[in-house]
Amino acid sequence: MATEPTCGCRGAARRARPPTLAGLGAVLLAALAVGCGVRFRPAVPMRAQSDDVELELVSMRVGLSPEIVLTARSSVPHVIERGYLTVATRAPCTGGAELTRIAIDGEPARSTTLPEGTHTLRIDSPDRLKGYTLDIVADFAMEDGTCARTPVLSQSIPMDPGRRVVVMLRAGALGNTTLAGIKASADFQLGAGASVGPMLLTAHFGVGTAQCVASLCGPGDDGKAKVATTVGGGLSAIGGLPLPGAAFRSSVVTLGARYSYFTTRLPELASGQDGPRLNVHALQALVGWGIGIGFQGPFRHRERTPFMEFAVPVGVMAEQRAFSQVAVVGGIEARFLLDL
């Protein structure tokens, strides 16, 4: 249970690609399968008392790696024999989807002793209840014969995304009107970020390539444009707008802005001189499409949940020694967000 078309500079996406972009797809998809999911929290407290055990829902992670987190309070110790996720209309502890993991205070799943006091339970279910359209409870059958039950999903109680902390993988290709000899660039970057209100703020750093115009650097040995290695990073702020209709429940229009910087030394010039060191700054607006949590159920603010985004950045860039000379830049990029 639970969770960056074409730029104005023709051929930019074709000419400039990150050196390892072709081999990234499988790695990114595997990482998403392990870490993808957004945590939701109930808008009002959801708790229940059974005998001397009180259970309260803390959060529900929805996505490819679902998890439910509960707080348990008890005046005496208990041993949990088994647990279920089931509908609220079933008699307590009489069956349902058996929990495959019950971890207490971060201990291994095989540790099922619930000591007295306040503790954290993390649970998982094999069927993952992907519909999320029913009222769901968690049952815990104790060794002494008692049963502790708590609601984990109610259609009448909204669930809001919690504060996101993410690791980001990003790849992009840009084309620009010629600036200090550069006509296109591409990069692959890693980063991290956190949500602040409706915006996701990220910082990212990585490496890439920049292509030098033949009139300055001359053609390479293979007749193609000479390239130089770049090192740089950026700061992004991106929010979203949900699309209407059930068919677009998981789709989000993403809007944002970014400042970026990279430094590079151009290859040897056609004149035989060493290429100059360049420091390039850019400001870009980003418009794109994101894929977020699309399950049915009482989940609100889905526009804050994208884990995959494709965007078109458009803006301006300038070299540090001559900010009055501005180039227009545009391209395409993809971002993958792994929630922690």
C-alpha atoms as a PDB file:
ATOM      1  CA  MET A   1       0.000   0.000   0.000  1.00  0.00           C
ATOM      2  CA  ALA A   2       0.721   3.405   0.788  1.00  0.00           C
ATOM      3  CA  THR A   3       3.002   6.403  -2.268  1.00  0.00           C
ATOM      4  CA  GLU A   4      12.046  17.332 -18.933  1.00  0.00           C
ATOM      5  CA  PRO A   5      10.042  18.516 -28.425  1.00  0.00           C
ATOM      6  CA  THR A   6      12.074  20.426 -30.003  1.00  0.00           C
ATOM      7  CA  CYS A   7      14.051  23.485 -29.033  1.00  0.00           C
ATOM      8  CA  GLY A   8      14.514  26.572 -31.132  1.00  0.00           C
ATOM      9  CA  CYS A   9      17.981  25.487 -32.218  1.00  0.00           C
ATOM     10  CA  ARG A  10      17.512  22.830 -34.867  1.00  0.00           C
ATOM     11  CA  GLY A  11      19.151  19.485 -34.226  1.00  0.00           C
ATOM     12  CA  ALA A  12      20.325  20.260 -30.702  1.00  0.00           C
ATOM     13  CA  ALA A  13      18.834  17.133 -29.201  1.00  0.00           C
ATOM     14  CA  ARG A  14      20.348  15.064 -32.031  1.00  0.00           C
ATOM     15  CA  ARG A  15      23.831  16.550 -31.773  1.00  0.00           C
ATOM     16  CA  ALA A  16      24.322  16.669 -28.022  1.00  0.00           C
ATOM     17  CA  ARG A  17      23.642  13.736 -25.747  1.00  0.00           C
ATOM     18  CA  PRO A  18      25.136  12.739 -22.426  1.00  0.00           C
ATOM     19  CA  PRO A  19      27.901  10.235 -23.014  1.00  0.00           C
ATOM     20  CA  THR A  20      26.166   7.508 -20.982  1.00  0.00           C
ATOM     21  CA  LEU A  21      22.515   8.355 -21.729  1.00  0.00           C
ATOM     22  CA  ALA A  22      21.947   5.236 -23.858  1.00  0.00           C
ATOM     23  CA  GLY A  23      22.865   2.981 -20.942  1.00  0.00           C
ATOM     24  CA  LEU A  24      20.926   4.769 -18.213  1.00  0.00           C
ATOM     25  CA  GLY A  25      17.395   3.551 -18.932  1.00  0.00           C
ATOM     26  CA  ALA A  26      17.599   0.123 -17.304  1.00  0.00           C
ATOM     27  CA  VAL A  27      19.430   1.497 -14.258  1.00  0.00           C
ATOM     28  CA  LEU A  28      16.862   4.245 -13.714  1.00  0.00           C
ATOM     29  CA  LEU A  29      13.908   1.884 -14.054  1.00  0.00           C
ATOM     30  CA  ALA A  30      15.446  -0.546 -11.587  1.00  0.00           C
ATOM     31  CA  ALA A  31      16.045   2.265  -9.092  1.00  0.00           C
ATOM     32  CA  LEU A  32      12.454   3.434  -9.471  1.00  0.00           C
ATOM     33  CA  ALA A  33      11.147  -0.046  -8.808  1.00  0.00           C
ATOM     34  CA  VAL A  34      13.023  -0.158  -5.505  1.00  0.00           C
ATOM     35  CA  GLY A  35      12.538   3.353  -4.163  1.00  0.00           C
ATOM     36  CA  CYS A  36       9.424   4.757  -5.816  1.00  0.00           C
ATOM     37  CA  GLY A  37       6.632   5.843  -3.498  1.00  0.00           C
ATOM     38  CA  VAL A  38       5.133   8.917  -1.874  1.00  0.00           C
ATOM     39  CA  ARG A  39       4.084   9.027   1.767  1.00  0.00           C
ATOM     40  CA  PHE A  40       0.589  10.235   2.601  1.00  0.00           C
ATOM     41  CA  ARG A  41      -0.635  11.256   6.033  1.00  0.00           C
ATOM     42  CA  PRO A  42      -4.241  11.435   7.273  1.00  0.00           C
ATOM     43  CA  ALA A  43      -5.778  14.903   7.439  1.00  0.00           C
ATOM     44  CA  VAL A  44      -7.175  14.029  10.906  1.00  0.00           C
ATOM     45  CA  PRO A  45      -5.851  11.443  13.396  1.00  0.00           C
ATOM     46  CA  MET A  46      -6.749   7.805  12.701  1.00  0.00           C
ATOM     47  CA  ARG A  47      -6.390   5.665  15.806  1.00  0.00           C
ATOM     48  CA  ALA A  48      -8.113   2.904  17.721  1.00  0.00           C
ATOM     49  CA  GLN A  49      -7.908   1.276  21.168  1.00  0.00           C
ATOM     50  CA  SER A  50      -8.149  -2.505  21.578  1.00  0.00           C
ATOM     51  CA  ASP A  51      -7.842  -3.718  25.167  1.00  0.00           C
ATOM     52  CA  ASP A  52      -4.565  -2.186  26.391  1.00  0.00           C
ATOM     53  CA  VAL A  53      -3.106  -1.563  22.893  1.00  0.00           C
ATOM     54  CA  GLU A  54      -3.599   1.741  21.087  1.00  0.00           C
ATOM     55  CA  LEU A  55      -2.649   1.906  17.394  1.00  0.00           C
ATOM     56  CA  GLU A  56      -2.444   5.123  15.321  1.00  0.00           C
ATOM     57  CA  LEU A  57      -1.727   5.574  11.617  1.00  0.00           C
ATOM     58  CA  VAL A  58       1.350   7.732  10.990  1.00  0.00           C
ATOM     59  CA  SER A  59       1.736   7.444   7.217  1.00  0.00           C
ATOM     60  CA  MET A  60       1.057   5.291   4.177  1.00  0.00           C
ATOM     61  CA  ARG A  61       3.581   5.035   1.348  1.00  0.00           C
ATOM     62  CA  VAL A  62       1.823   4.596  -2.006  1.00  0.00           C
ATOM     63  CA  GLY A  63       3.655   3.428  -5.126  1.00  0.00           C
ATOM     64  CA  LEU A  64       5.921   0.566  -6.198  1.00  0.00           C
ATOM     65  CA  SER A  65       7.264   0.114  -2.662  1.00  0.00           C
ATOM     66  CA  PRO A  66       4.202   0.460  -0.382  1.00  0.00           C
ATOM     67  CA  GLU A  67       4.438   0.615   3.386  1.00  0.00           C
ATOM     68  CA  ILE A  68       2.228   1.511   6.347  1.00  0.00           C
ATOM     69  CA  VAL A  69       3.709   3.097   9.473  1.00  0.00           C
ATOM     70  CA  LEU A  70       1.862   2.897  12.785  1.00  0.00           C
ATOM     71  CA  THR A  71       2.499   4.054  16.335  1.00  0.00           C
ATOM     72  CA  ALA A  72       1.713   1.443  18.980  1.00  0.00           C
ATOM     73  CA  ARG A  73       1.191   2.204  22.670  1.00  0.00           C
ATOM     74  CA  SER A  74       0.737  -0.505  25.270  1.00  0.00           C
ATOM     75  CA  SER A  75       0.946  -0.802  29.068  1.00  0.00           C
ATOM     76  CA  VAL A  76       2.109  -4.450  28.881  1.00  0.00           C
ATOM     77  CA  PRO A  77       4.243  -6.395  26.389  1.00  0.00           C
ATOM     78  CA  HIS A  78       2.640  -8.480  23.642  1.00  0.00           C
ATOM     79  CA  VAL A  79       3.805 -11.015  21.071  1.00  0.00           C
ATOM     80  CA  ILE A  80       2.295 -10.551  17.602  1.00  0.00           C
ATOM     81  CA  GLU A  81       1.549 -13.919  16.026  1.00  0.00           C
ATOM     82  CA  ARG A  82       0.236 -12.663  12.677  1.00  0.00           C
ATOM     83  CA  GLY A  83      -1.278  -9.646  11.024  1.00  0.00           C
ATOM     84  CA  TYR A  84      -3.795  -8.917   8.279  1.00  0.00           C
ATOM     85  CA  LEU A  85      -5.049  -6.114   6.099  1.00  0.00           C
ATOM     86  CA  THR A  86      -8.745  -6.460   5.527  1.00  0.00           C
ATOM     87  CA  VAL A  87     -12.012  -4.593   5.100  1.00  0.00           C
ATOM     88  CA  ALA A  88     -13.606  -2.943   8.093  1.00  0.00           C
ATOM     89  CA  THR A  89     -16.704  -5.163   7.868  1.00  0.00           C
ATOM     90  CA  ARG A  90     -14.797  -8.414   8.548  1.00  0.00           C
ATOM     91  CA  ALA A  91     -14.687  -9.712  12.114  1.00  0.00           C
ATOM     92  CA  PRO A  92     -11.367  -8.838  13.811  1.00  0.00           C
ATOM     93  CA  CYS A  93      -8.440 -11.193  13.201  1.00  0.00           C
ATOM     94  CA  THR A  94     -10.444 -13.672  11.116  1.00  0.00           C
ATOM     95  CA  GLY A  95      -8.418 -13.331   7.912  1.00  0.00           C
ATOM     96  CA  GLY A  96      -7.592 -11.038   5.022  1.00  0.00           C
ATOM     97  CA  ALA A  97      -4.350 -10.270   3.213  1.00  0.00           C
ATOM     98  CA  GLU A  98      -1.684 -11.603   5.536  1.00  0.00           C
ATOM     99  CA  LEU A  99       1.084  -9.150   6.302  1.00  0.00           C
ATOM    100  CA  THR A 100       4.438 -10.232   4.882  1.00  0.00           C
ATOM    101  CA  ARG A 101       6.426  -7.824   7.067  1.00  0.00           C
ATOM    102  CA  ILE A 102       5.910  -6.548  10.596  1.00  0.00           C
ATOM    103  CA  ALA A 103       8.962  -4.590  11.785  1.00  0.00           C
ATOM    104  CA  ILE A 104       9.002  -3.125  15.294  1.00  0.00           C
ATOM    105  CA  ASP A 105      11.269  -0.103  15.936  1.00  0.00           C
ATOM    106  CA  GLY A 106      13.393  -0.965  12.905  1.00  0.00           C
ATOM    107  CA  GLU A 107      14.145  -4.485  14.109  1.00  0.00           C
ATOM    108  CA  PRO A 108      14.114  -7.337  11.574  1.00  0.00           C
ATOM    109  CA  ALA A 109      10.720  -8.517  10.446  1.00  0.00           C
ATOM    110  CA  ARG A 110      11.103 -11.760  12.447  1.00  0.00           C
ATOM    111  CA  SER A 111      11.055  -9.778  15.720  1.00  0.00           C
ATOM    112  CA  THR A 112       7.392  -9.781  16.733  1.00  0.00           C
ATOM    113  CA  THR A 113       7.640  -8.860  20.421  1.00  0.00           C
ATOM    114  CA  LEU A 114       5.865  -5.577  21.117  1.00  0.00           C
ATOM    115  CA  PRO A 115       7.287  -4.240  24.411  1.00  0.00           C
ATOM    116  CA  GLU A 116       5.337  -1.972  26.687  1.00  0.00           C
ATOM    117  CA  GLY A 117       5.509   1.733  25.939  1.00  0.00           C
ATOM    118  CA  THR A 118       5.417   3.567  22.609  1.00  0.00           C
ATOM    119  CA  HIS A 119       6.843   1.923  19.502  1.00  0.00           C
ATOM    120  CA  THR A 120       6.819   2.179  15.688  1.00  0.00           C
ATOM    121  CA  LEU A 121       5.416  -0.585  13.501  1.00  0.00           C
ATOM    122  CA  ARG A 122       6.148  -0.832   9.768  1.00  0.00           C
ATOM    123  CA  ILE A 123       4.049  -3.273   7.779  1.00  0.00           C
ATOM    124  CA  ASP A 124       3.623  -4.486   4.220  1.00  0.00           C
ATOM    125  CA  SER A 125       1.029  -6.577   2.433  1.00  0.00           C
ATOM    126  CA  PRO A 126       1.494  -9.035  -0.471  1.00  0.00           C
ATOM    127  CA  ASP A 127      -1.447  -7.849  -2.588  1.00  0.00           C
ATOM    128  CA  ARG A 128      -0.751  -4.128  -1.950  1.00  0.00           C
ATOM    129  CA  LEU A 129      -4.479  -3.299  -2.269  1.00  0.00           C
ATOM    130  CA  LYS A 130      -3.880  -1.194  -5.385  1.00  0.00           C
ATOM    131  CA  GLY A 131      -7.473  -0.102  -5.695  1.00  0.00           C
ATOM    132  CA  TYR A 132      -7.526   1.917  -2.464  1.00  0.00           C
ATOM    133  CA  THR A 133     -11.297   2.284  -2.847  1.00  0.00           C
ATOM    134  CA  LEU A 134     -12.390   0.532   0.361  1.00  0.00           C
ATOM    135  CA  ASP A 135     -12.171   1.237   4.061  1.00  0.00           C
ATOM    136  CA  ILE A 136      -9.169  -0.836   5.178  1.00  0.00           C
ATOM    137  CA  VAL A 137      -8.083  -1.900   8.663  1.00  0.00           C
ATOM    138  CA  ALA A 138      -4.993  -3.643  10.037  1.00  0.00           C
ATOM    139  CA  ASP A 139      -5.505  -6.523  12.464  1.00  0.00           C
ATOM    140  CA  PHE A 140      -2.824  -7.917  14.784  1.00  0.00           C
ATOM    141  CA  ALA A 141      -3.474 -11.267  16.439  1.00  0.00           C
ATOM    142  CA  MET A 142      -1.612 -11.524  19.741  1.00  0.00           C
ATOM    143  CA  GLU A 143      -0.243 -14.662  21.351  1.00  0.00           C
ATOM    144  CA  ASP A 144      -2.556 -14.222  24.333  1.00  0.00           C
ATOM    145  CA  GLY A 145      -5.613 -14.399  22.068  1.00  0.00           C
ATOM    146  CA  THR A 146      -6.405 -10.699  21.939  1.00  0.00           C
ATOM    147  CA  CYS A 147      -6.774  -8.772  18.688  1.00  0.00           C
ATOM    148  CA  ALA A 148      -5.664  -5.183  18.044  1.00  0.00           C
ATOM    149  CA  ARG A 149      -7.335  -3.379  15.134  1.00  0.00           C
ATOM    150  CA  THR A 150      -6.784   0.081  13.643  1.00  0.00           C
ATOM    151  CA  PRO A 151      -8.026   1.859  10.508  1.00  0.00           C
ATOM    152  CA  VAL A 152      -5.350   2.486   7.879  1.00  0.00           C
ATOM    153  CA  LEU A 153      -7.518   3.858   5.063  1.00  0.00           C
ATOM    154  CA  SER A 154     -10.911   5.553   5.203  1.00  0.00           C
ATOM    155  CA  GLN A 155     -12.694   6.970   2.166  1.00  0.00           C
ATOM    156  CA  SER A 156     -14.113   9.714   4.402  1.00  0.00           C
ATOM    157  CA  ILE A 157     -10.715  10.915   5.699  1.00  0.00           C
ATOM    158  CA  PRO A 158      -8.491  12.698   3.141  1.00  0.00           C
ATOM    159  CA  MET A 159      -4.859  11.668   2.814  1.00  0.00           C
ATOM    160  CA  ASP A 160      -2.344  14.432   2.042  1.00  0.00           C
ATOM    161  CA  PRO A 161       1.251  14.017   0.799  1.00  0.00           C
ATOM    162  CA  GLY A 162       3.831  14.333   3.518  1.00  0.00           C
ATOM    163  CA  ARG A 163       6.967  16.414   3.123  1.00  0.00           C
ATOM    164  CA  ARG A 164       9.029  14.822   0.368  1.00  0.00           C
ATOM    165  CA  VAL A 165      12.773  14.258   0.590  1.00  0.00           C
ATOM    166  CA  VAL A 166      14.091  12.903  -2.697  1.00  0.00           C
ATOM    167  CA  VAL A 167      17.174  11.783  -4.566  1.00  0.00           C
ATOM    168  CA  MET A 168      17.114  12.988  -8.158  1.00  0.00           C
ATOM    169  CA  LEU A 169      18.568  11.573 -11.385  1.00  0.00           C
ATOM    170  CA  ARG A 170      18.496  13.995 -14.320  1.00  0.00           C
ATOM    171  CA  ALA A 171      19.601  13.891 -17.981  1.00  0.00           C
ATOM    172  CA  GLY A 172      19.195  16.648 -20.547  1.00  0.00           C
ATOM    173  CA  ALA A 173      20.245  17.971 -23.951  1.00  0.00           C
ATOM    174  CA  LEU A 174      20.269  21.663 -24.917  1.00  0.00           C
ATOM    175  CA  GLY A 175      20.857  23.682 -28.063  1.00  0.00           C
ATOM    176  CA  ASN A 176      21.602  27.393 -28.115  1.00  0.00           C
ATOM    177  CA  THR A 177      22.441  30.287 -30.339  1.00  0.00           C
ATOM    178  CA  THR A 178      26.234  30.355 -30.442  1.00  0.00           C
ATOM    179  CA  LEU A 179      27.807  31.673 -27.262  1.00  0.00           C
ATOM    180  CA  ALA A 180      31.596  31.961 -26.879  1.00  0.00           C
ATOM    181  CA  GLY A 181      31.973  29.101 -29.361  1.00  0.00           C
ATOM    182  CA  ILE A 182      29.442  26.753 -27.730  1.00  0.00           C
ATOM    183  CA  LYS A 183      26.461  25.636 -29.811  1.00  0.00           C
ATOM    184  CA  ALA A 184      25.035  22.714 -27.796  1.00  0.00           C
ATOM    185  CA  SER A 185      25.473  20.866 -24.540  1.00  0.00           C
ATOM    186  CA  ALA A 186      24.244  17.832 -22.649  1.00  0.00           C
ATOM    187  CA  ASP A 187      24.633  16.509 -19.137  1.00  0.00           C
ATOM    188  CA  PHE A 188      23.797  13.862 -16.576  1.00  0.00           C
ATOM    189  CA  GLN A 189      23.350  14.979 -12.978  1.00  0.00           C
ATOM    190  CA  LEU A 190      22.591  13.637  -9.523  1.00  0.00           C
ATOM    191  CA  GLY A 191      20.917  15.684  -6.836  1.00  0.00           C
ATOM    192  CA  ALA A 192      18.622  15.859  -3.851  1.00  0.00           C
ATOM    193  CA  GLY A 193      15.744  17.988  -2.752  1.00  0.00           C
ATOM    194  CA  ALA A 194      12.751  18.515  -0.512  1.00  0.00           C
ATOM    195  CA  SER A 195       9.249  19.867  -0.856  1.00  0.00           C
ATOM    196  CA  VAL A 196       8.403  23.330   0.484  1.00  0.00           C
ATOM    197  CA  GLY A 197       4.669  23.836   0.285  1.00  0.00           C
ATOM    198  CA  PRO A 198       3.543  22.991  -3.255  1.00  0.00           C
ATOM    199  CA  MET A 199       7.065  23.316  -4.693  1.00  0.00           C
ATOM    200  CA  LEU A 200       9.849  20.756  -4.894  1.00  0.00           C
ATOM    201  CA  LEU A 201      13.259  22.402  -4.493  1.00  0.00           C
ATOM    202  CA  THR A 202      16.273  20.464  -5.784  1.00  0.00           C
ATOM    203  CA  ALA A 203      20.012  20.997  -6.074  1.00  0.00           C
ATOM    204  CA  HIS A 204      21.922  18.932  -8.621  1.00  0.00           C
ATOM    205  CA  PHE A 205      25.508  18.438  -9.812  1.00  0.00           C
ATOM    206  CA  GLY A 206      27.096  16.422 -12.589  1.00  0.00           C
ATOM    207  CA  VAL A 207      29.142  16.161 -15.770  1.00  0.00           C
ATOM    208  CA  GLY A 208      28.408  16.498 -19.455  1.00  0.00           C
ATOM    209  CA  THR A 209      29.671  17.704 -22.814  1.00  0.00           C
ATOM    210  CA  ALA A 210      29.665  20.963 -24.788  1.00  0.00           C
ATOM    211  CA  GLN A 211      30.084  21.214 -28.573  1.00  0.00           C
ATOM    212  CA  CYS A 212      32.303  23.864 -30.132  1.00  0.00           C
ATOM    213  CA  VAL A 213      31.424  25.469 -33.466  1.00  0.00           C
ATOM    214  CA  ALA A 214      33.688  24.369 -36.332  1.00  0.00           C
ATOM    215  CA  SER A 215      34.520  27.976 -37.243  1.00  0.00           C
ATOM    216  CA  LEU A 216      36.325  28.341 -33.900  1.00  0.00           C
ATOM    217  CA  CYS A 217      37.569  24.856 -33.007  1.00  0.00           C
ATOM    218  CA  GLY A 218      37.588  23.228 -36.426  1.00  0.00           C
ATOM    219  CA  PRO A 219      36.143  19.747 -37.091  1.00  0.00           C
ATOM    220  CA  GLY A 220      37.261  16.705 -35.156  1.00  0.00           C
ATOM    221  CA  ASP A 221      39.231  13.812 -36.614  1.00  0.00           C
ATOM    222  CA  ASP A 222      35.983  12.038 -37.493  1.00  0.00           C
ATOM    223  CA  GLY A 223      34.552  15.113 -39.154  1.00  0.00           C
ATOM    224  CA  LYS A 224      32.119  15.745 -36.294  1.00  0.00           C
ATOM    225  CA  ALA A 225      32.092  18.735 -33.976  1.00  0.00           C
ATOM    226  CA  LYS A 226      34.711  18.816 -31.232  1.00  0.00           C
ATOM    227  CA  VAL A 227      33.392  18.400 -27.720  1.00  0.00           C
ATOM    228  CA  ALA A 228      34.652  19.415 -24.297  1.00  0.00           C
ATOM    229  CA  THR A 229      33.819  17.963 -20.886  1.00  0.00           C
ATOM    230  CA  THR A 230      31.703  20.133 -18.609  1.00  0.00           C
ATOM    231  CA  VAL A 231      31.212  20.154 -14.844  1.00  0.00           C
ATOM    232  CA  GLY A 232      28.298  22.008 -13.351  1.00  0.00           C
ATOM    233  CA  GLY A 233      25.106  22.068 -11.363  1.00  0.00           C
ATOM    234  CA  GLY A 234      21.934  23.946 -10.700  1.00  0.00           C
ATOM    235  CA  LEU A 235      19.028  24.841  -8.441  1.00  0.00           C
ATOM    236  CA  SER A 236      15.438  24.104  -9.498  1.00  0.00           C
ATOM    237  CA  ALA A 237      11.989  24.915  -8.136  1.00  0.00           C
ATOM    238  CA  ILE A 238       9.154  22.957  -9.739  1.00  0.00           C
ATOM    239  CA  GLY A 239       5.464  22.651  -8.955  1.00  0.00           C
ATOM    240  CA  GLY A 240       2.531  21.024 -10.665  1.00  0.00           C
ATOM    241  CA  LEU A 241      -1.076  21.337 -11.805  1.00  0.00           C
ATOM    242  CA  PRO A 242      -3.300  18.241 -11.945  1.00  0.00           C
ATOM    243  CA  LEU A 243      -5.100  17.397 -15.173  1.00  0.00           C
ATOM    244  CA  PRO A 244      -8.893  16.971 -14.945  1.00  0.00           C
ATOM    245  CA  GLY A 245     -10.648  13.668 -15.479  1.00  0.00           C
ATOM    246  CA  ALA A 246     -10.155  10.138 -14.220  1.00  0.00           C
ATOM    247  CA  ALA A 247      -8.160   9.163 -17.343  1.00  0.00           C
ATOM    248  CA  PHE A 248      -5.449  11.687 -16.404  1.00  0.00           C
ATOM    249  CA  ARG A 249      -5.416  11.007 -12.675  1.00  0.00           C
ATOM    250  CA  SER A 250      -1.687  10.236 -12.649  1.00  0.00           C
ATOM    251  CA  SER A 251      -0.695  13.073 -15.032  1.00  0.00           C
ATOM    252  CA  VAL A 252       0.599  16.454 -13.896  1.00  0.00           C
ATOM    253  CA  VAL A 253       1.521  19.614 -15.813  1.00  0.00           C
ATOM    254  CA  THR A 254       4.835  20.701 -14.308  1.00  0.00           C
ATOM    255  CA  LEU A 255       5.926  24.346 -14.146  1.00  0.00           C
ATOM    256  CA  GLY A 256       9.145  25.688 -12.705  1.00  0.00           C
ATOM    257  CA  ALA A 257      12.352  27.663 -12.974  1.00  0.00           C
ATOM    258  CA  ARG A 258      16.035  26.840 -12.768  1.00  0.00           C
ATOM    259  CA  TYR A 259      19.419  28.502 -12.397  1.00  0.00           C
ATOM    260  CA  SER A 260      22.313  26.458 -13.765  1.00  0.00           C
ATOM    261  CA  TYR A 261      26.050  26.817 -14.192  1.00  0.00           C
ATOM    262  CA  PHE A 262      28.796  24.863 -15.888  1.00  0.00           C
ATOM    263  CA  THR A 263      32.473  25.347 -16.525  1.00  0.00           C
ATOM    264  CA  THR A 264      34.537  23.902 -19.386  1.00  0.00           C
ATOM    265  CA  ARG A 265      37.700  24.426 -21.376  1.00  0.00           C
ATOM    266  CA  LEU A 266      37.172  24.410 -25.124  1.00  0.00           C
ATOM    267  CA  PRO A 267      39.223  21.988 -27.250  1.00  0.00           C
ATOM    268  CA  GLU A 268      42.259  23.202 -29.160  1.00  0.00           C
ATOM    269  CA  LEU A 269      41.215  25.985 -31.495  1.00  0.00           C
ATOM    270  CA  ALA A 270      41.536  25.839 -35.286  1.00  0.00           C
ATOM    271  CA  SER A 271      44.342  28.414 -34.956  1.00  0.00           C
ATOM    272  CA  GLY A 272      46.346  25.901 -32.863  1.00  0.00           C
ATOM    273  CA  GLN A 273      45.925  27.857 -29.613  1.00  0.00           C
ATOM    274  CA  ASP A 274      44.634  26.283 -26.422  1.00  0.00           C
ATOM    275  CA  GLY A 275      40.906  26.674 -25.924  1.00  0.00           C
ATOM    276  CA  PRO A 276      39.762  29.238 -23.348  1.00  0.00           C
ATOM    277  CA  ARG A 277      38.180  28.394 -19.989  1.00  0.00           C
ATOM    278  CA  LEU A 278      34.466  29.289 -20.007  1.00  0.00           C
ATOM    279  CA  ASN A 279      32.030  29.755 -17.112  1.00  0.00           C
ATOM    280  CA  VAL A 280      28.434  29.687 -18.327  1.00  0.00           C
ATOM    281  CA  HIS A 281      25.384  30.790 -16.312  1.00  0.00           C
ATOM    282  CA  ALA A 282      21.778  30.147 -17.388  1.00  0.00           C
ATOM    283  CA  LEU A 283      18.227  30.957 -16.305  1.00  0.00           C
ATOM    284  CA  GLN A 284      15.442  28.772 -17.659  1.00  0.00           C
ATOM    285  CA  ALA A 285      11.710  28.266 -17.358  1.00  0.00           C
ATOM    286  CA  LEU A 286      10.523  24.665 -17.429  1.00  0.00           C
ATOM    287  CA  VAL A 287       7.217  23.348 -18.748  1.00  0.00           C
ATOM    288  CA  GLY A 288       6.555  19.645 -18.842  1.00  0.00           C
ATOM    289  CA  TRP A 289       4.579  16.556 -17.998  1.00  0.00           C
ATOM    290  CA  GLY A 290       4.941  14.466 -14.885  1.00  0.00           C
ATOM    291  CA  ILE A 291       3.712  11.062 -13.791  1.00  0.00           C
ATOM    292  CA  GLY A 292       2.518  10.906 -10.205  1.00  0.00           C
ATOM    293  CA  ILE A 293       0.333   8.800  -7.951  1.00  0.00           C
ATOM    294  CA  GLY A 294      -2.775   7.774  -9.894  1.00  0.00           C
ATOM    295  CA  PHE A 295      -4.530   5.351  -7.575  1.00  0.00           C
ATOM    296  CA  GLN A 296      -8.143   5.896  -6.696  1.00  0.00           C
ATOM    297  CA  GLY A 297      -8.992   6.676  -3.113  1.00  0.00           C
ATOM    298  CA  PRO A 298      -8.980   9.611  -0.691  1.00  0.00           C
ATOM    299  CA  PHE A 299      -5.623  10.994  -1.866  1.00  0.00           C
ATOM    300  CA  ARG A 300      -5.364  14.765  -2.311  1.00  0.00           C
ATOM    301  CA  HIS A 301      -2.773  17.074  -3.924  1.00  0.00           C
ATOM    302  CA  ARG A 302      -1.604  14.505  -6.471  1.00  0.00           C
ATOM    303  CA  GLU A 303       0.178  17.347  -8.277  1.00  0.00           C
ATOM    304  CA  ARG A 304       2.817  17.113  -5.515  1.00  0.00           C
ATOM    305  CA  THR A 305       3.607  13.452  -6.200  1.00  0.00           C
ATOM    306  CA  PRO A 306       5.465  13.118  -9.564  1.00  0.00           C
ATOM    307  CA  PHE A 307       8.243  10.564  -9.535  1.00  0.00           C
ATOM    308  CA  MET A 308       9.054  10.957 -13.269  1.00  0.00           C
ATOM    309  CA  GLU A 309       9.091  14.216 -15.259  1.00  0.00           C
ATOM    310  CA  PHE A 310       9.794  15.187 -18.877  1.00  0.00           C
ATOM    311  CA  ALA A 311      10.254  18.915 -19.480  1.00  0.00           C
ATOM    312  CA  VAL A 312      11.210  21.515 -22.063  1.00  0.00           C
ATOM    313  CA  PRO A 313      13.579  24.111 -20.597  1.00  0.00           C
ATOM    314  CA  VAL A 314      13.664  27.471 -22.395  1.00  0.00           C
ATOM    315  CA  GLY A 315      15.705  30.490 -21.323  1.00  0.00           C
ATOM    316  CA  VAL A 316      18.896  32.451 -21.703  1.00  0.00           C
ATOM    317  CA  MET A 317      22.572  31.838 -20.985  1.00  0.00           C
ATOM    318  CA  ALA A 318      25.665  34.041 -20.771  1.00  0.00           C
ATOM    319  CA  GLU A 319      29.400  33.586 -20.303  1.00  0.00           C
ATOM    320  CA  GLN A 320      30.763  35.055 -17.102  1.00  0.00           C
ATOM    321  CA  ARG A 321      33.189  37.505 -18.766  1.00  0.00           C
ATOM    322  CA  ALA A 322      30.490  39.091 -20.942  1.00  0.00           C
ATOM    323  CA  PHE A 323      27.044  39.000 -19.347  1.00  0.00           C
ATOM    324  CA  SER A 324      25.823  41.558 -21.893  1.00  0.00           C
ATOM    325  CA  GLN A 325      26.095  38.864 -24.600  1.00  0.00           C
ATOM    326  CA  VAL A 326      23.136  36.563 -24.114  1.00  0.00           C
ATOM    327  CA  ALA A 327      22.242  33.407 -26.021  1.00  0.00           C
ATOM    328  CA  VAL A 328      18.831  31.778 -26.276  1.00  0.00           C
ATOM    329  CA  VAL A 329      18.763  28.169 -25.114  1.00  0.00           C
ATOM    330  CA  GLY A 330      16.192  25.358 -25.238  1.00  0.00           C
ATOM    331  CA  GLY A 331      16.029  21.598 -25.188  1.00  0.00           C
ATOM    332  CA  ILE A 332      14.599  18.560 -23.452  1.00  0.00           C
ATOM    333  CA  GLU A 333      15.280  16.765 -20.190  1.00  0.00           C
ATOM    334  CA  ALA A 334      14.056  13.965 -17.951  1.00  0.00           C
ATOM    335  CA  ARG A 335      14.042  13.768 -14.155  1.00  0.00           C
ATOM    336  CA  PHE A 336      13.529  10.722 -11.951  1.00  0.00           C
ATOM    337  CA  LEU A 337      12.721  11.261  -8.289  1.00  0.00           C
ATOM    338  CA  LEU A 338      13.307   8.604  -5.637  1.00  0.00           C
ATOM    339  CA  ASP A 339      11.574   9.321  -2.335  1.00  0.00           C
ATOM    340  CA  LEU A 340      13.516   8.560   0.830  1.00  0.00           C
END
